Protein backbone atom coordinates (compact mmCIF):
# COMPACT_ATOMS: atom_id res chain seq x y z
CA UNK A 1 0.00 0.00 0.00
CA UNK A 2 1.34 3.44 -0.95
CA UNK A 3 2.64 5.26 2.12
CA UNK A 4 3.38 2.19 4.22
CA UNK A 5 7.13 2.88 4.02
CA UNK A 6 6.79 6.20 5.85
CA UNK A 7 7.88 6.03 9.49
CA UNK A 8 4.73 5.48 11.56
CA UNK A 9 5.91 7.52 14.55
CA UNK A 10 6.69 10.49 12.30
CA UNK A 11 3.25 10.20 10.71
CA UNK A 12 1.50 10.17 14.08
CA UNK A 13 3.46 13.19 15.31
CA UNK A 14 2.89 15.04 12.05
CA UNK A 15 -0.85 14.37 12.21
CA UNK A 16 -0.96 15.84 15.71
CA UNK A 17 0.98 18.94 14.67
CA UNK A 18 -1.33 19.55 11.73
CA UNK A 19 -4.41 19.10 13.88
CA UNK A 20 -3.15 21.50 16.55
CA UNK A 21 -2.01 24.34 14.26
CA UNK A 22 -3.90 27.09 12.47
CA UNK A 23 -1.21 29.01 10.57
CA UNK A 24 1.29 27.24 8.30
CA UNK A 25 4.26 28.38 6.21
CA UNK A 26 5.65 26.18 3.45
CA UNK A 27 9.03 26.84 1.86
CA UNK A 28 11.40 25.29 -0.67
CA UNK A 29 14.88 25.79 -2.09
CA UNK A 30 16.31 28.79 -3.91
CA UNK A 31 15.57 28.98 -7.64
CA UNK A 32 12.60 26.62 -7.28
CA UNK A 33 12.09 24.01 -9.98
CA UNK A 34 9.06 21.90 -10.83
CA UNK A 35 9.46 19.57 -7.88
CA UNK A 36 9.93 22.41 -5.38
CA UNK A 37 7.00 24.44 -6.69
CA UNK A 38 4.79 21.41 -7.29
CA UNK A 39 5.28 19.99 -3.79
CA UNK A 40 4.75 23.31 -1.98
CA UNK A 41 1.59 24.07 -3.96
CA UNK A 42 0.22 20.56 -3.51
CA UNK A 43 0.73 20.70 0.25
CA UNK A 44 -0.82 24.16 0.37
CA UNK A 45 -3.97 22.85 -1.31
CA UNK A 46 -4.17 19.89 1.09
CA UNK A 47 -3.74 22.00 4.21
CA UNK A 48 -6.11 24.70 2.95
CA UNK A 49 -8.77 22.03 2.45
CA UNK A 50 -8.26 21.15 6.11
CA UNK A 51 -9.05 24.75 7.04
CA UNK A 52 -5.52 25.94 7.75
CA UNK A 53 -4.24 29.43 6.89
CA UNK A 54 -1.35 28.59 4.57
CA UNK A 55 1.36 30.76 3.01
CA UNK A 56 4.14 29.68 0.66
CA UNK A 57 7.30 31.68 1.34
CA UNK A 58 10.23 31.10 -1.01
CA UNK A 59 13.72 32.57 -1.42
CA UNK A 60 12.82 33.86 -4.89
CA UNK A 61 9.93 33.70 -7.34
CA UNK A 62 9.01 30.57 -9.32
CA UNK A 63 10.06 30.61 -12.99
CA UNK A 64 7.48 31.82 -15.47
CA UNK A 65 7.20 28.31 -16.93
CA UNK A 66 5.46 27.19 -13.71
CA UNK A 67 3.22 30.16 -13.02
CA UNK A 68 0.21 28.49 -14.63
CA UNK A 69 0.00 26.03 -11.74
CA UNK A 70 -3.00 26.59 -9.47
CA UNK A 71 -2.02 28.75 -6.50
CA UNK A 72 1.34 29.86 -7.89
CA UNK A 73 0.27 33.51 -8.00
CA UNK A 74 0.01 33.46 -4.20
CA UNK A 75 3.66 32.50 -3.63
CA UNK A 76 5.52 35.20 -1.67
CA UNK A 77 9.26 35.61 -2.37
CA UNK A 78 11.81 36.99 0.06
CA UNK A 79 13.64 38.57 -2.86
CA UNK A 80 10.74 40.97 -3.43
CA UNK A 81 8.82 41.08 -0.11
CA UNK A 82 11.33 40.40 2.64
CA UNK A 83 9.54 42.15 5.51
CA UNK A 84 6.26 40.41 4.72
CA UNK A 85 7.99 37.03 4.48
CA UNK A 86 9.77 37.56 7.79
CA UNK A 87 6.45 38.40 9.41
CA UNK A 88 4.73 35.32 7.99
CA UNK A 89 7.51 33.02 9.19
CA UNK A 90 7.59 34.53 12.67
CA UNK A 91 3.80 34.10 13.09
CA UNK A 92 3.62 30.54 11.75
CA UNK A 93 2.72 27.71 14.11
CA UNK A 94 4.05 25.03 11.76
CA UNK A 95 6.67 25.26 9.01
CA UNK A 96 7.12 22.73 6.21
CA UNK A 97 10.48 22.60 4.44
CA UNK A 98 10.17 20.80 1.11
CA UNK A 99 12.69 19.62 -1.48
CA UNK A 100 15.88 20.72 0.27
CA UNK A 101 18.15 19.07 2.82
CA UNK A 102 20.06 22.00 4.35
CA UNK A 103 19.18 25.52 5.41
CA UNK A 104 21.80 27.07 3.14
CA UNK A 105 19.60 25.90 0.24
CA UNK A 106 17.05 28.58 1.13
CA UNK A 107 19.52 31.46 0.98
CA UNK A 108 18.56 34.56 2.99
CA UNK A 109 15.35 32.92 4.18
CA UNK A 110 17.49 30.56 6.29
CA UNK A 111 17.96 32.76 9.39
CA UNK A 112 14.22 33.42 9.63
CA UNK A 113 13.40 29.71 9.47
CA UNK A 114 16.18 28.88 11.94
CA UNK A 115 14.95 31.43 14.50
CA UNK A 116 11.26 30.63 14.09
CA UNK A 117 9.58 29.17 17.17
CA UNK A 118 7.24 27.04 15.07
CA UNK A 119 7.67 23.30 14.79
CA UNK A 120 9.45 22.39 11.56
CA UNK A 121 8.85 19.44 9.24
CA UNK A 122 11.33 18.43 6.53
CA UNK A 123 10.05 16.34 3.61
CA UNK A 124 12.76 15.75 1.03
CA UNK A 125 14.47 13.24 -1.25
CA UNK A 126 18.06 14.53 -1.19
CA UNK A 127 20.94 12.82 0.57
CA UNK A 128 22.27 13.70 4.02
CA UNK A 129 19.56 15.96 5.51
CA UNK A 130 20.60 18.39 8.22
CA UNK A 131 18.97 17.88 11.63
CA UNK A 132 17.25 21.27 11.93
CA UNK A 133 13.65 19.99 11.79
CA UNK A 134 11.48 18.49 14.51
CA UNK A 135 10.27 15.85 12.04
CA UNK A 136 12.45 14.68 9.16
CA UNK A 137 10.96 12.51 6.44
CA UNK A 138 13.88 11.91 4.10
CA UNK A 139 13.77 9.25 1.37
CA UNK A 140 16.68 9.73 -1.07
CA UNK A 141 15.55 6.74 -3.12
CA UNK A 142 12.40 8.60 -4.17
CA UNK A 143 12.48 10.14 -7.63
CA UNK A 144 10.98 13.42 -6.40
CA UNK A 145 9.72 15.20 -3.34
CA UNK A 146 6.27 15.20 -4.96
CA UNK A 147 6.25 11.39 -5.08
CA UNK A 148 7.35 11.27 -1.44
CA UNK A 149 4.74 13.88 -0.48
CA UNK A 150 2.02 11.78 -2.12
CA UNK A 151 3.06 8.87 0.10
CA UNK A 152 3.04 11.11 3.17
CA UNK A 153 -0.46 12.34 2.29
CA UNK A 154 -1.62 8.74 1.96
CA UNK A 155 0.03 7.76 5.26
CA UNK A 156 -1.84 10.61 6.95
CA UNK A 157 -5.12 9.25 5.59
CA UNK A 158 -5.64 12.34 3.45
CA UNK A 159 -5.67 10.69 0.01
CA UNK A 160 -9.48 11.30 -0.33
CA UNK A 161 -9.01 15.10 -0.30
CA UNK A 162 -6.52 15.20 -3.18
CA UNK A 163 -8.36 17.05 -5.93
CA UNK A 164 -7.45 17.73 -9.55
CA UNK A 165 -5.45 20.89 -8.87
CA UNK A 166 -3.45 19.15 -6.14
CA UNK A 167 -2.88 16.19 -8.44
CA UNK A 168 -1.62 18.52 -11.19
CA UNK A 169 0.93 20.05 -8.82
CA UNK A 170 2.14 16.62 -7.69
CA UNK A 171 2.42 15.38 -11.25
CA UNK A 172 4.46 18.45 -12.16
CA UNK A 173 7.17 17.56 -9.67
CA UNK A 174 7.21 13.92 -10.68
CA UNK A 175 7.46 14.73 -14.38
CA UNK A 176 10.09 17.45 -14.11
CA UNK A 177 12.34 15.47 -11.76
CA UNK A 178 12.22 12.38 -13.98
CA UNK A 179 12.26 14.03 -17.41
CA UNK A 180 8.70 12.86 -18.05
CA UNK A 181 9.51 9.45 -16.54
CA UNK A 182 12.64 8.97 -18.63
CA UNK A 183 15.17 8.75 -15.75
CA UNK A 184 15.08 8.04 -11.98
CA UNK A 185 11.84 6.25 -12.78
CA UNK A 186 12.35 2.53 -12.15
CA UNK A 187 10.31 2.32 -8.94
CA UNK A 188 7.05 0.42 -9.66
CA UNK A 189 5.28 2.44 -6.95
CA UNK A 190 5.91 5.58 -8.97
CA UNK A 191 3.60 4.33 -11.71
CA UNK A 192 0.91 3.49 -9.18
CA UNK A 193 1.11 7.11 -8.03
CA UNK A 194 1.02 8.41 -11.60
CA UNK A 195 -1.98 6.23 -12.40
CA UNK A 196 -3.80 7.56 -9.35
CA UNK A 197 -3.07 11.16 -10.36
CA UNK A 198 -4.33 10.48 -13.87
CA UNK A 199 -7.57 9.10 -12.44
CA UNK A 200 -7.96 12.37 -10.56
CA UNK A 201 -8.15 14.19 -13.88
CA UNK A 202 -4.60 15.21 -14.73
CA UNK A 203 -4.02 15.43 -18.47
CA UNK A 204 -0.39 14.30 -18.55
CA UNK A 205 0.13 15.12 -22.23
CA UNK A 206 -1.28 18.63 -21.88
CA UNK A 207 0.65 19.23 -18.65
CA UNK A 208 3.96 18.24 -20.25
CA UNK A 209 3.23 20.55 -23.18
CA UNK A 210 2.61 23.47 -20.83
CA UNK A 211 5.75 22.73 -18.84
CA UNK A 212 7.76 22.85 -22.05
CA UNK A 213 6.31 25.96 -23.70
CA UNK A 214 9.15 28.22 -24.79
CA UNK A 215 9.35 31.75 -26.11
CA UNK A 216 11.23 32.53 -29.30
CA UNK A 217 14.13 33.97 -27.28
CA UNK A 218 14.28 30.80 -25.15
CA UNK A 219 14.47 28.60 -28.22
CA UNK A 220 17.18 30.75 -29.74
CA UNK A 221 19.16 30.76 -26.49
CA UNK A 222 19.01 26.99 -26.15
CA UNK A 223 19.89 26.48 -29.81
CA UNK A 224 22.83 28.87 -29.45
CA UNK A 225 24.00 27.05 -26.33
CA UNK A 226 24.12 23.68 -28.08
CA UNK A 227 25.52 25.03 -31.35
CA UNK A 228 28.13 27.46 -30.05
CA UNK A 229 28.76 26.73 -26.38
CA UNK A 230 28.84 22.94 -26.16
CA UNK A 231 32.10 21.03 -26.12
CA UNK A 232 32.86 17.36 -25.58
CA UNK A 233 35.35 16.21 -22.96
CA UNK A 234 36.83 12.87 -21.88
CA UNK A 235 37.06 11.57 -25.45
CA UNK A 236 33.42 12.38 -26.10
CA UNK A 237 32.02 10.77 -22.94
CA UNK A 238 31.23 14.10 -21.25
CA UNK A 239 29.59 17.28 -22.52
CA UNK A 240 29.93 20.80 -21.17
CA UNK A 241 27.74 23.80 -22.01
CA UNK A 242 28.66 27.25 -20.69
CA UNK A 243 26.74 30.51 -20.96
CA UNK A 244 28.27 33.75 -19.70
CA UNK A 245 26.44 36.95 -18.81
CA UNK A 246 26.83 38.38 -22.33
CA UNK A 247 25.30 35.24 -23.84
CA UNK A 248 22.34 35.43 -21.49
CA UNK A 249 21.78 39.16 -22.06
CA UNK A 250 21.87 38.67 -25.83
CA UNK A 251 18.77 36.48 -25.62
CA UNK A 252 16.94 38.42 -22.87
CA UNK A 253 17.39 35.59 -20.40
CA UNK A 254 15.06 35.26 -17.45
CA UNK A 255 15.17 32.56 -14.78
CA UNK A 256 13.91 29.25 -16.11
CA UNK A 257 14.81 29.86 -19.77
CA UNK A 258 17.44 27.10 -19.75
CA UNK A 259 15.39 24.55 -17.81
CA UNK A 260 16.15 21.10 -19.23
CA UNK A 261 19.13 22.24 -21.30
CA UNK A 262 21.53 20.13 -19.24
CA UNK A 263 19.70 16.98 -20.36
CA UNK A 264 20.09 17.62 -24.09
CA UNK A 265 23.68 16.33 -24.52
CA UNK A 266 22.69 13.01 -22.94
CA UNK A 267 20.73 12.21 -26.10
CA UNK A 268 24.15 11.59 -27.72
CA UNK A 269 24.69 7.84 -27.16
CA UNK A 270 28.34 8.17 -26.14
CA UNK A 271 27.80 11.00 -23.66
CA UNK A 272 27.42 9.71 -20.10
CA UNK A 273 27.68 12.98 -18.17
CA UNK A 274 26.41 16.44 -19.05
CA UNK A 275 27.40 19.65 -17.30
CA UNK A 276 25.78 23.04 -17.73
CA UNK A 277 27.33 26.18 -16.24
CA UNK A 278 25.83 29.63 -16.48
CA UNK A 279 26.58 32.98 -14.94
CA UNK A 280 24.54 34.22 -12.00
CA UNK A 281 25.19 37.41 -10.05
CA UNK A 282 28.27 36.62 -7.97
CA UNK A 283 28.70 32.95 -8.85
CA UNK A 284 28.54 30.25 -11.53
CA UNK A 285 25.52 27.97 -11.34
CA UNK A 286 26.45 24.34 -12.04
CA UNK A 287 23.99 21.63 -13.11
CA UNK A 288 24.93 18.02 -13.85
CA UNK A 289 23.14 14.96 -15.22
CA UNK A 290 24.46 11.50 -15.96
CA UNK A 291 23.70 7.98 -17.11
CA UNK A 292 24.29 4.68 -15.34
CA UNK A 293 26.36 4.79 -12.17
CA UNK A 294 28.25 8.00 -12.90
CA UNK A 295 28.01 9.94 -9.57
CA UNK A 296 27.48 13.59 -10.42
CA UNK A 297 26.34 14.14 -6.82
CA UNK A 298 29.87 13.33 -5.63
CA UNK A 299 31.41 15.82 -8.06
CA UNK A 300 29.00 18.57 -7.07
CA UNK A 301 29.49 17.89 -3.38
CA UNK A 302 33.27 17.69 -3.48
CA UNK A 303 34.04 20.48 -5.92
CA UNK A 304 31.05 22.79 -6.41
CA UNK A 305 29.54 23.23 -2.96
CA UNK A 306 26.36 21.34 -3.78
CA UNK A 307 24.99 17.83 -4.07
CA UNK A 308 21.97 15.91 -5.23
CA UNK A 309 21.35 12.46 -6.61
CA UNK A 310 23.51 9.96 -8.44
CA UNK A 311 22.27 11.08 -11.86
CA UNK A 312 21.09 14.62 -11.12
CA UNK A 313 22.94 17.17 -9.03
CA UNK A 314 23.93 20.81 -8.86
CA UNK A 315 26.09 23.33 -7.12
CA UNK A 316 27.72 26.73 -7.28
CA UNK A 317 31.21 28.00 -7.99
CA UNK A 318 32.48 31.22 -6.47
CA UNK A 319 34.76 32.61 -9.13
CA UNK A 320 35.11 33.17 -12.85
CA UNK A 321 33.69 30.89 -15.51
CA UNK A 322 37.12 29.89 -16.75
CA UNK A 323 38.07 28.81 -13.22
CA UNK A 324 34.91 26.71 -12.92
CA UNK A 325 35.64 25.07 -16.27
CA UNK A 326 39.27 24.44 -15.30
CA UNK A 327 38.11 22.79 -12.08
CA UNK A 328 35.75 20.52 -14.00
CA UNK A 329 38.43 19.55 -16.52
CA UNK A 330 40.81 18.73 -13.69
CA UNK A 331 38.45 16.54 -11.64
CA UNK A 332 36.46 14.69 -14.30
CA UNK A 333 39.21 12.12 -15.05
CA UNK A 334 39.12 11.09 -11.38
CA UNK A 335 35.65 9.64 -12.00
CA UNK A 336 36.39 7.88 -15.29
CA UNK A 337 35.98 4.45 -13.70
CA UNK A 338 32.25 5.14 -13.33
CA UNK A 339 31.67 5.66 -17.05
CA UNK A 340 29.24 3.10 -18.41
CA UNK A 341 30.31 0.82 -21.24
CA UNK A 342 29.16 2.13 -24.60
CA UNK A 343 26.79 -0.30 -26.26
CA UNK A 344 27.55 -0.91 -29.94
């Protein structure tokens, strides 16, 4: 039965906390992706149905590609409304932390969450969670926080109140964190969850189309990135795409425009690891994806101040682009033994 693998004691304590509280804040990691936004919105809908006053407070705004999701317009970002966010956090009786494993993943929202008197609940699928929460539900084997959240909802006995809009939000996280079920998607339970969400009215085909709508400038930026900024390393087994600030400005870049770009080089049969680096104010954002047993999470953790999963990870580099690239070139050969055998 879905949800049976969630710790029973944690479920009982969580049920009590939900019952006893009136005001709830939900947050997620900086630069929220489909899983972060989908899980926070889904939980907001569930708790609102239970009569709770719920606010989603995030480090920065969701990307425009996700703003069609029901409830997204109500997300409050610290980057634009810091005083209001601080007030919401300080008044909350219960705080949910979704899709991140450490407080530094919520940027300048971290000190407010740390100082908050409210009970805190962490629900996440990343490795090595910090022990800042009163309840930690961490399942790194799960493909997404949305899949894990679905199991938590079921364990709480709240499956009957999942409606179509909640199901759409959950499906968004599952689809975006698995590339529409093309990777990290070998768990049979995942397809039971997907089937249940489809029965609730989610149009998976239409949802995937909406998640992948691109503007003309986005298409041109992504085409430019592959055509002019992609290079192959490690005798063609690794791919690197870099975009500097001038590249981004040329195509009127806004956050979310390069979503999914890191996956593109993996369509080349020989490429087992793909790295995408782009300029952010003050640092280089690093995203990595891989095939087989190639551990991009280890590379991101050891060399780029980040982490993630075996086949999907990210981090940041404090310095110039050329220094980030030099670091990657230097360390990649150390992981050559993990390269999968090329099938002929």
